[in-house]
């Protein structure tokens, strides 16, 4: 199966939805739950973090390495 993610400008959404309704498509909703323990860990990390140490997401993505990449 191939999954495609599109970013549609708000002003083009109505047009896009009318177009896509002509095709067979499947809506996928990614739901996940966060336990109370996870919330506590995240709250602790936020409270002890320094904004000077933050890295913009696009920069962080470039630094990520996966096992399949060598």
Protein backbone atom coordinates (compact mmCIF):
# COMPACT_ATOMS: atom_id res chain seq x y z
CA UNK A 1 0.00 0.00 0.00
CA UNK A 2 1.16 3.52 -0.74
CA UNK A 3 0.36 6.37 1.61
CA UNK A 4 0.33 9.96 0.39
CA UNK A 5 0.22 13.03 2.60
CA UNK A 6 -0.82 16.33 1.03
CA UNK A 7 -0.73 19.86 2.35
CA UNK A 8 -3.72 21.66 0.86
CA UNK A 9 -4.03 25.45 1.23
CA UNK A 10 -7.18 26.38 3.16
CA UNK A 11 -8.55 28.37 0.24
CA UNK A 12 -8.23 25.31 -2.06
CA UNK A 13 -9.70 22.71 0.30
CA UNK A 14 -13.26 22.82 -1.05
CA UNK A 15 -12.05 22.39 -4.62
CA UNK A 16 -9.73 19.57 -3.60
CA UNK A 17 -12.44 17.71 -1.69
CA UNK A 18 -14.82 17.91 -4.66
CA UNK A 19 -12.08 16.53 -6.89
CA UNK A 20 -11.03 13.75 -4.56
CA UNK A 21 -14.62 12.58 -4.04
CA UNK A 22 -14.51 11.36 -7.63
CA UNK A 23 -11.82 8.82 -6.64
CA UNK A 24 -11.86 5.87 -4.31
CA UNK A 25 -9.99 7.00 -1.22
CA UNK A 26 -9.58 5.94 2.37
CA UNK A 27 -9.49 8.29 5.32
CA UNK A 28 -6.93 7.41 7.98
CA UNK A 29 -7.12 8.93 11.41
CA UNK A 30 -4.02 8.46 13.51
CA UNK A 31 -5.10 8.35 17.12
CA UNK A 32 -2.85 7.74 20.06
CA UNK A 33 -3.19 8.08 23.78
CA UNK A 34 -0.77 9.51 26.28
CA UNK A 35 -0.62 7.98 29.72
CA UNK A 36 -0.50 10.09 32.86
CA UNK A 37 3.09 8.93 33.37
CA UNK A 38 4.04 10.17 29.87
CA UNK A 39 2.37 13.52 30.57
CA UNK A 40 4.35 13.85 33.79
CA UNK A 41 7.64 13.09 32.02
CA UNK A 42 6.86 15.66 29.30
CA UNK A 43 5.83 18.28 31.87
CA UNK A 44 9.07 17.68 33.78
CA UNK A 45 11.15 18.02 30.61
CA UNK A 46 9.36 21.24 29.65
CA UNK A 47 9.87 22.76 33.09
CA UNK A 48 13.61 22.00 33.13
CA UNK A 49 14.37 22.87 29.49
CA UNK A 50 16.09 26.05 28.39
CA UNK A 51 14.75 27.70 25.24
CA UNK A 52 18.34 28.45 24.22
CA UNK A 53 18.86 24.68 23.86
CA UNK A 54 15.91 24.22 21.51
CA UNK A 55 16.56 23.22 17.89
CA UNK A 56 14.12 24.09 15.09
CA UNK A 57 12.27 20.96 13.89
CA UNK A 58 13.66 21.19 10.33
CA UNK A 59 17.22 21.26 11.72
CA UNK A 60 16.49 18.36 14.09
CA UNK A 61 15.07 16.24 11.24
CA UNK A 62 18.33 16.65 9.33
CA UNK A 63 20.28 15.31 12.31
CA UNK A 64 18.17 12.17 12.75
CA UNK A 65 19.82 8.92 11.76
CA UNK A 66 18.04 5.62 11.29
CA UNK A 67 19.49 2.12 11.50
CA UNK A 68 18.94 1.53 7.79
CA UNK A 69 21.11 4.56 6.93
CA UNK A 70 24.82 3.80 7.18
